[in-house]
N, C-alpha and C. Protein backbone atom coordinates (compact mmCIF):
# COMPACT_ATOMS: atom_id res chain seq x y z
N MET A 1 68.95 107.51 101.16
CA MET A 1 70.11 107.36 101.99
C MET A 1 70.67 108.72 102.32
N ALA A 2 71.45 108.79 103.35
CA ALA A 2 71.93 110.06 103.87
C ALA A 2 73.00 110.71 103.03
N THR A 3 73.55 110.01 102.05
CA THR A 3 74.65 110.58 101.28
C THR A 3 74.24 111.82 100.50
N SER A 4 72.95 112.04 100.32
CA SER A 4 72.51 113.23 99.59
C SER A 4 72.82 114.51 100.35
N SER A 5 73.09 114.42 101.65
CA SER A 5 73.40 115.62 102.42
C SER A 5 74.89 115.95 102.40
N PHE A 6 75.70 115.20 101.69
CA PHE A 6 77.13 115.47 101.57
C PHE A 6 77.38 116.27 100.30
N ASP A 7 78.33 117.21 100.39
CA ASP A 7 78.70 117.91 99.17
C ASP A 7 79.94 117.24 98.56
N LYS A 8 80.47 117.77 97.48
CA LYS A 8 81.58 117.14 96.78
C LYS A 8 82.84 117.07 97.62
N ASP A 9 83.01 117.96 98.58
CA ASP A 9 84.18 117.96 99.45
C ASP A 9 83.98 117.07 100.67
N PHE A 10 82.89 116.33 100.69
CA PHE A 10 82.54 115.45 101.79
C PHE A 10 82.48 116.22 103.10
N THR A 11 81.80 117.35 103.07
CA THR A 11 81.61 118.17 104.26
C THR A 11 80.24 117.90 104.82
N LEU A 12 80.19 117.57 106.09
CA LEU A 12 78.91 117.37 106.76
C LEU A 12 78.43 118.74 107.22
N ASP A 13 77.40 119.25 106.56
CA ASP A 13 77.02 120.64 106.75
C ASP A 13 75.91 120.87 107.76
N SER A 14 75.45 119.83 108.44
CA SER A 14 74.41 120.01 109.45
C SER A 14 74.51 118.90 110.49
N LYS A 15 73.84 119.14 111.62
CA LYS A 15 73.85 118.13 112.67
C LYS A 15 73.17 116.85 112.19
N LYS A 16 72.15 117.01 111.37
CA LYS A 16 71.44 115.85 110.83
C LYS A 16 72.37 115.00 109.97
N ALA A 17 73.20 115.66 109.17
CA ALA A 17 74.16 114.94 108.31
C ALA A 17 75.20 114.22 109.15
N VAL A 18 75.65 114.86 110.23
CA VAL A 18 76.64 114.25 111.11
C VAL A 18 76.06 113.01 111.78
N LYS A 19 74.84 113.11 112.29
CA LYS A 19 74.21 111.97 112.94
C LYS A 19 73.98 110.83 111.96
N SER A 20 73.58 111.18 110.75
CA SER A 20 73.35 110.17 109.73
C SER A 20 74.65 109.47 109.38
N PHE A 21 75.73 110.24 109.24
CA PHE A 21 77.03 109.67 108.92
C PHE A 21 77.52 108.76 110.05
N GLU A 22 77.34 109.21 111.29
CA GLU A 22 77.74 108.38 112.43
C GLU A 22 76.98 107.06 112.44
N ARG A 23 75.70 107.10 112.10
CA ARG A 23 74.89 105.89 112.08
C ARG A 23 75.38 104.94 110.98
N ILE A 24 75.73 105.49 109.82
CA ILE A 24 76.23 104.66 108.72
C ILE A 24 77.55 104.02 109.10
N VAL A 25 78.46 104.79 109.68
CA VAL A 25 79.78 104.30 110.02
C VAL A 25 79.72 103.29 111.16
N SER A 26 78.83 103.51 112.12
CA SER A 26 78.78 102.62 113.28
C SER A 26 78.04 101.32 113.01
N THR A 27 77.32 101.23 111.90
CA THR A 27 76.61 100.01 111.55
C THR A 27 77.61 98.96 111.08
N PRO A 28 77.65 97.80 111.72
CA PRO A 28 78.59 96.78 111.27
C PRO A 28 78.26 96.27 109.88
N ALA A 29 79.28 95.91 109.14
CA ALA A 29 79.10 95.47 107.75
C ALA A 29 78.30 94.17 107.68
N ARG A 30 78.30 93.39 108.72
CA ARG A 30 77.58 92.12 108.71
C ARG A 30 76.07 92.31 108.60
N SER A 31 75.58 93.50 108.93
CA SER A 31 74.13 93.71 108.89
C SER A 31 73.61 93.95 107.47
N VAL A 32 74.52 94.14 106.54
CA VAL A 32 74.12 94.37 105.16
C VAL A 32 73.81 93.03 104.50
N LYS A 33 72.60 92.91 104.00
CA LYS A 33 72.19 91.66 103.36
C LYS A 33 72.24 91.85 101.85
N ILE A 34 72.77 90.87 101.15
CA ILE A 34 72.84 90.91 99.69
C ILE A 34 71.85 89.89 99.16
N ASP A 35 70.94 90.36 98.32
CA ASP A 35 69.94 89.47 97.73
C ASP A 35 70.58 88.77 96.54
N ARG A 36 70.96 87.52 96.72
CA ARG A 36 71.65 86.77 95.67
C ARG A 36 70.73 86.44 94.50
N ASN A 37 69.42 86.61 94.66
CA ASN A 37 68.49 86.35 93.56
C ASN A 37 68.60 87.40 92.46
N LEU A 38 69.20 88.55 92.78
CA LEU A 38 69.32 89.63 91.80
C LEU A 38 70.43 89.37 90.79
N THR A 39 71.36 88.50 91.13
CA THR A 39 72.46 88.21 90.22
C THR A 39 72.22 86.86 89.55
N SER A 40 72.21 86.88 88.25
CA SER A 40 72.02 85.64 87.50
C SER A 40 73.36 84.93 87.35
N PRO A 41 73.36 83.64 87.11
CA PRO A 41 74.64 82.92 86.90
C PRO A 41 75.44 83.50 85.74
N ALA A 42 74.74 83.95 84.69
CA ALA A 42 75.45 84.52 83.55
C ALA A 42 76.17 85.82 83.94
N LYS A 43 75.51 86.67 84.73
CA LYS A 43 76.14 87.91 85.16
C LYS A 43 77.31 87.63 86.10
N ALA A 44 77.16 86.64 86.95
CA ALA A 44 78.25 86.29 87.86
C ALA A 44 79.45 85.79 87.07
N GLU A 45 79.22 84.97 86.07
CA GLU A 45 80.31 84.44 85.25
C GLU A 45 80.99 85.56 84.48
N ARG A 46 80.20 86.48 83.93
CA ARG A 46 80.77 87.61 83.19
C ARG A 46 81.60 88.48 84.12
N GLY A 47 81.12 88.68 85.35
CA GLY A 47 81.87 89.47 86.32
C GLY A 47 83.18 88.81 86.69
N GLU A 48 83.16 87.48 86.84
CA GLU A 48 84.39 86.76 87.14
C GLU A 48 85.40 86.89 86.01
N LYS A 49 84.93 86.81 84.77
CA LYS A 49 85.83 86.94 83.62
C LYS A 49 86.45 88.33 83.58
N ARG A 50 85.63 89.35 83.82
CA ARG A 50 86.16 90.73 83.81
C ARG A 50 87.18 90.92 84.91
N LEU A 51 86.90 90.35 86.09
CA LEU A 51 87.83 90.48 87.19
C LEU A 51 89.16 89.79 86.88
N LYS A 52 89.09 88.60 86.29
CA LYS A 52 90.31 87.89 85.90
C LYS A 52 91.10 88.68 84.88
N GLN A 53 90.40 89.33 83.92
CA GLN A 53 91.09 90.14 82.92
C GLN A 53 91.79 91.32 83.57
N MET A 54 91.12 91.97 84.50
CA MET A 54 91.70 93.13 85.17
C MET A 54 92.94 92.72 85.99
N LEU A 55 92.86 91.57 86.65
CA LEU A 55 93.97 91.14 87.49
C LEU A 55 95.14 90.59 86.69
N SER A 56 94.88 90.14 85.47
CA SER A 56 95.94 89.56 84.68
C SER A 56 96.76 90.61 83.92
N ARG A 57 96.35 91.85 83.95
CA ARG A 57 97.07 92.91 83.23
C ARG A 57 98.33 93.32 83.94
């Protein structure tokens, strides 16, 4: 991914980095596909519990 061309100050140091960043930003979020097979029901349940704990504080 293009993020390797960014430094810690988030400076785009070349034309290639700028074009890559523009492509990332202009891509609509709907085009990102999440493979639901990678998350098991146990991990999903554990994540829900952690989220509930964080929100209840």
